[in-house]
C-alpha atoms as a PDB file:
ATOM      1  CA  UNK A   1      41.370-121.341 -35.259  1.00  0.00           C
ATOM      2  CA  UNK A   2      37.759-120.365 -35.714  1.00  0.00           C
ATOM      3  CA  UNK A   3      37.025-116.688 -35.009  1.00  0.00           C
ATOM      4  CA  UNK A   4      34.191-117.670 -32.646  1.00  0.00           C
ATOM      5  CA  UNK A   5      36.686-119.236 -30.263  1.00  0.00           C
ATOM      6  CA  UNK A   6      38.460-115.936 -29.651  1.00  0.00           C
ATOM      7  CA  UNK A   7      35.425-114.612 -27.794  1.00  0.00           C
ATOM      8  CA  UNK A   8      35.429-117.592 -25.436  1.00  0.00           C
ATOM      9  CA  UNK A   9      39.163-117.273 -24.859  1.00  0.00           C
ATOM     10  CA  UNK A  10      38.741-113.581 -24.043  1.00  0.00           C
ATOM     11  CA  UNK A  11      35.864-114.288 -21.633  1.00  0.00           C
ATOM     12  CA  UNK A  12      37.748-117.053 -19.839  1.00  0.00           C
ATOM     13  CA  UNK A  13      40.892-114.945 -19.475  1.00  0.00           C
ATOM     14  CA  UNK A  14      39.064-111.790 -18.383  1.00  0.00           C
ATOM     15  CA  UNK A  15      36.792-113.475 -15.855  1.00  0.00           C
ATOM     16  CA  UNK A  16      39.579-115.784 -14.689  1.00  0.00           C
ATOM     17  CA  UNK A  17      41.728-112.769 -13.860  1.00  0.00           C
ATOM     18  CA  UNK A  18      38.789-110.954 -12.212  1.00  0.00           C
ATOM     19  CA  UNK A  19      37.834-113.969 -10.079  1.00  0.00           C
ATOM     20  CA  UNK A  20      41.484-114.619  -9.209  1.00  0.00           C
ATOM     21  CA  UNK A  21      41.979-111.026  -8.091  1.00  0.00           C
ATOM     22  CA  UNK A  22      38.790-111.113  -6.025  1.00  0.00           C
ATOM     23  CA  UNK A  23      39.815-114.385  -4.379  1.00  0.00           C
ATOM     24  CA  UNK A  24      43.276-112.993  -3.638  1.00  0.00           C
ATOM     25  CA  UNK A  25      41.749-109.900  -2.015  1.00  0.00           C
ATOM     26  CA  UNK A  26      39.340-112.021   0.047  1.00  0.00           C
ATOM     27  CA  UNK A  27      42.133-114.276   1.340  1.00  0.00           C
ATOM     28  CA  UNK A  28      44.344-111.271   2.092  1.00  0.00           C
ATOM     29  CA  UNK A  29      41.574-109.581   4.086  1.00  0.00           C
ATOM     30  CA  UNK A  30      40.795-112.837   5.910  1.00  0.00           C
ATOM     31  CA  UNK A  31      44.449-113.155   6.978  1.00  0.00           C
ATOM     32  CA  UNK A  32      44.520-109.522   8.110  1.00  0.00           C
ATOM     33  CA  UNK A  33      41.329-109.918  10.166  1.00  0.00           C
ATOM     34  CA  UNK A  34      42.628-113.069  11.854  1.00  0.00           C
ATOM     35  CA  UNK A  35      45.879-111.296  12.711  1.00  0.00           C
ATOM     36  CA  UNK A  36      44.049-108.250  14.079  1.00  0.00           C
ATOM     37  CA  UNK A  37      41.703-110.386  16.181  1.00  0.00           C
ATOM     38  CA  UNK A  38      44.624-112.388  17.592  1.00  0.00           C
ATOM     39  CA  UNK A  39      46.489-109.197  18.515  1.00  0.00           C
ATOM     40  CA  UNK A  40      43.355-107.791  20.170  1.00  0.00           C
ATOM     41  CA  UNK A  41      42.829-111.006  22.163  1.00  0.00           C
ATOM     42  CA  UNK A  42      46.480-111.020  23.262  1.00  0.00           C
ATOM     43  CA  UNK A  43      46.220-107.368  24.329  1.00  0.00           C
ATOM     44  CA  UNK A  44      43.074-108.055  26.355  1.00  0.00           C
ATOM     45  CA  UNK A  45      44.688-111.092  28.002  1.00  0.00           C
ATOM     46  CA  UNK A  46      47.742-109.019  28.920  1.00  0.00           C
ATOM     47  CA  UNK A  47      45.549-106.292  30.403  1.00  0.00           C
ATOM     48  CA  UNK A  48      43.627-108.821  32.485  1.00  0.00           C
ATOM     49  CA  UNK A  49      46.879-110.349  33.776  1.00  0.00           C
ATOM     50  CA  UNK A  50      48.288-106.954  34.742  1.00  0.00           C
ATOM     51  CA  UNK A  51      45.076-105.830  36.484  1.00  0.00           C
ATOM     52  CA  UNK A  52      43.952-108.590  38.856  1.00  0.00           C
ATOM     53  CA  UNK A  53      40.460-108.177  40.308  1.00  0.00           C
ATOM     54  CA  UNK A  54      40.353-106.592  43.749  1.00  0.00           C
ATOM     55  CA  UNK A  55      38.752-108.655  46.559  1.00  0.00           C
END
């Protein structure tokens, strides 16, 4: 293999891992935010059901 190709292989592997890790972190945070928002909405709905408005 030509020695010039090793640089390209290194770049592709390094940046592929970096982009993959960043994408994994972004998806993980997105899932966590959706879960937190759903729990907050459920808590607010439960509080509204337990405290009916007074006439």
